[in-house]
Amino acid sequence: MDMLAEVSGSVSTIGYGLAAIGPGVGLGIVIGKTIEGTARQPEMAGALRGNMFLGIALIEALALIGIATPFFLP
């Protein structure tokens, strides 16, 4: 019971910190695989770059949802 009394403030900031780990790891994987694919087939660099930016946009959308969620949940 005492431990609950010591936890005060916004616990949602801890949740966002944990939620930011997923997009960070996802960005690392997407960018790393794009560099690997470009090294294997340099002629596909343009197509890979376009797909990479699309993937980055989708991953960043998850991070933005993680930022906005604590404001809407009580």
C-alpha atoms as a PDB file:
ATOM      1  CA  MET A   1       0.000   0.000   0.000  1.00  0.00           C
ATOM      2  CA  ASP A   2       2.860   2.394   0.716  1.00  0.00           C
ATOM      3  CA  MET A   3       4.329   1.846  -2.720  1.00  0.00           C
ATOM      4  CA  LEU A   4       1.161   3.098  -4.400  1.00  0.00           C
ATOM      5  CA  ALA A   5       1.248   6.193  -2.238  1.00  0.00           C
ATOM      6  CA  GLU A   6       4.756   7.018  -3.491  1.00  0.00           C
ATOM      7  CA  VAL A   7       3.829   6.834  -7.183  1.00  0.00           C
ATOM      8  CA  SER A   8       2.455  10.219  -8.097  1.00  0.00           C
ATOM      9  CA  GLY A   9       2.323  12.436 -11.129  1.00  0.00           C
ATOM     10  CA  SER A  10       1.667  11.434 -14.692  1.00  0.00           C
ATOM     11  CA  VAL A  11       2.313   7.746 -15.202  1.00  0.00           C
ATOM     12  CA  SER A  12       1.465   8.205 -18.887  1.00  0.00           C
ATOM     13  CA  THR A  13       4.939   9.667 -19.459  1.00  0.00           C
ATOM     14  CA  ILE A  14       6.417   6.305 -18.542  1.00  0.00           C
ATOM     15  CA  GLY A  15       4.012   4.673 -20.980  1.00  0.00           C
ATOM     16  CA  TYR A  16       5.081   6.971 -23.777  1.00  0.00           C
ATOM     17  CA  GLY A  17       8.715   6.267 -23.025  1.00  0.00           C
ATOM     18  CA  LEU A  18       8.037   2.575 -23.415  1.00  0.00           C
ATOM     19  CA  ALA A  19       5.924   3.194 -26.525  1.00  0.00           C
ATOM     20  CA  ALA A  20       8.791   5.108 -28.159  1.00  0.00           C
ATOM     21  CA  ILE A  21      11.021   2.038 -28.041  1.00  0.00           C
ATOM     22  CA  GLY A  22       8.968   0.211 -30.696  1.00  0.00           C
ATOM     23  CA  PRO A  23       9.149   2.880 -33.413  1.00  0.00           C
ATOM     24  CA  GLY A  24      12.839   3.410 -32.626  1.00  0.00           C
ATOM     25  CA  VAL A  25      13.610  -0.250 -33.186  1.00  0.00           C
ATOM     26  CA  GLY A  26      11.375  -0.287 -36.276  1.00  0.00           C
ATOM     27  CA  LEU A  27      13.193   2.665 -37.822  1.00  0.00           C
ATOM     28  CA  GLY A  28      16.532   0.995 -37.220  1.00  0.00           C
ATOM     29  CA  ILE A  29      15.398  -2.198 -38.912  1.00  0.00           C
ATOM     30  CA  VAL A  30      13.820  -0.441 -41.920  1.00  0.00           C
ATOM     31  CA  ILE A  31      16.792   1.820 -42.567  1.00  0.00           C
ATOM     32  CA  GLY A  32      19.303  -0.984 -42.017  1.00  0.00           C
ATOM     33  CA  LYS A  33      17.528  -3.322 -44.427  1.00  0.00           C
ATOM     34  CA  THR A  34      17.288  -0.544 -47.027  1.00  0.00           C
ATOM     35  CA  ILE A  35      21.035   0.060 -46.813  1.00  0.00           C
ATOM     36  CA  GLU A  36      21.638  -3.684 -47.056  1.00  0.00           C
ATOM     37  CA  GLY A  37      19.384  -3.966 -50.113  1.00  0.00           C
ATOM     38  CA  THR A  38      21.079  -0.997 -51.786  1.00  0.00           C
ATOM     39  CA  ALA A  39      24.482  -2.563 -51.192  1.00  0.00           C
ATOM     40  CA  ARG A  40      23.307  -5.832 -52.756  1.00  0.00           C
ATOM     41  CA  GLN A  41      21.574  -4.245 -55.782  1.00  0.00           C
ATOM     42  CA  PRO A  42      22.614  -0.622 -56.352  1.00  0.00           C
ATOM     43  CA  GLU A  43      20.288  -0.284 -59.364  1.00  0.00           C
ATOM     44  CA  MET A  44      17.274  -0.678 -57.039  1.00  0.00           C
ATOM     45  CA  ALA A  45      18.335   2.225 -54.784  1.00  0.00           C
ATOM     46  CA  GLY A  46      15.565   4.567 -55.976  1.00  0.00           C
ATOM     47  CA  ALA A  47      12.750   2.057 -55.451  1.00  0.00           C
ATOM     48  CA  LEU A  48      14.142   0.992 -52.095  1.00  0.00           C
ATOM     49  CA  ARG A  49      14.437   4.598 -50.965  1.00  0.00           C
ATOM     50  CA  GLY A  50      10.804   5.295 -51.847  1.00  0.00           C
ATOM     51  CA  ASN A  51       9.619   2.226 -49.971  1.00  0.00           C
ATOM     52  CA  MET A  52      11.829   3.166 -47.033  1.00  0.00           C
ATOM     53  CA  PHE A  53      10.238   6.618 -46.743  1.00  0.00           C
ATOM     54  CA  LEU A  54       6.776   5.058 -46.863  1.00  0.00           C
ATOM     55  CA  GLY A  55       7.749   2.658 -44.084  1.00  0.00           C
ATOM     56  CA  ILE A  56       9.255   5.463 -42.022  1.00  0.00           C
ATOM     57  CA  ALA A  57       6.033   7.483 -42.346  1.00  0.00           C
ATOM     58  CA  LEU A  58       3.958   4.547 -41.101  1.00  0.00           C
ATOM     59  CA  ILE A  59       6.308   3.880 -38.204  1.00  0.00           C
ATOM     60  CA  GLU A  60       6.319   7.545 -37.188  1.00  0.00           C
ATOM     61  CA  ALA A  61       2.513   7.505 -37.232  1.00  0.00           C
ATOM     62  CA  LEU A  62       2.691   4.923 -34.448  1.00  0.00           C
ATOM     63  CA  ALA A  63       4.920   7.237 -32.431  1.00  0.00           C
ATOM     64  CA  LEU A  64       2.483  10.121 -32.907  1.00  0.00           C
ATOM     65  CA  ILE A  65      -0.386   7.924 -31.749  1.00  0.00           C
ATOM     66  CA  GLY A  66       1.693   7.124 -28.677  1.00  0.00           C
ATOM     67  CA  ILE A  67       2.144  10.838 -27.996  1.00  0.00           C
ATOM     68  CA  ALA A  68      -1.554  11.665 -28.423  1.00  0.00           C
ATOM     69  CA  THR A  69      -3.031   8.713 -26.529  1.00  0.00           C
ATOM     70  CA  PRO A  70      -2.234   9.925 -22.965  1.00  0.00           C
ATOM     71  CA  PHE A  71      -4.138  13.151 -23.632  1.00  0.00           C
ATOM     72  CA  PHE A  72      -7.346  11.305 -24.524  1.00  0.00           C
ATOM     73  CA  LEU A  73      -7.267   8.543 -21.938  1.00  0.00           C
ATOM     74  CA  PRO A  74      -8.152   9.475 -18.350  1.00  0.00           C
END
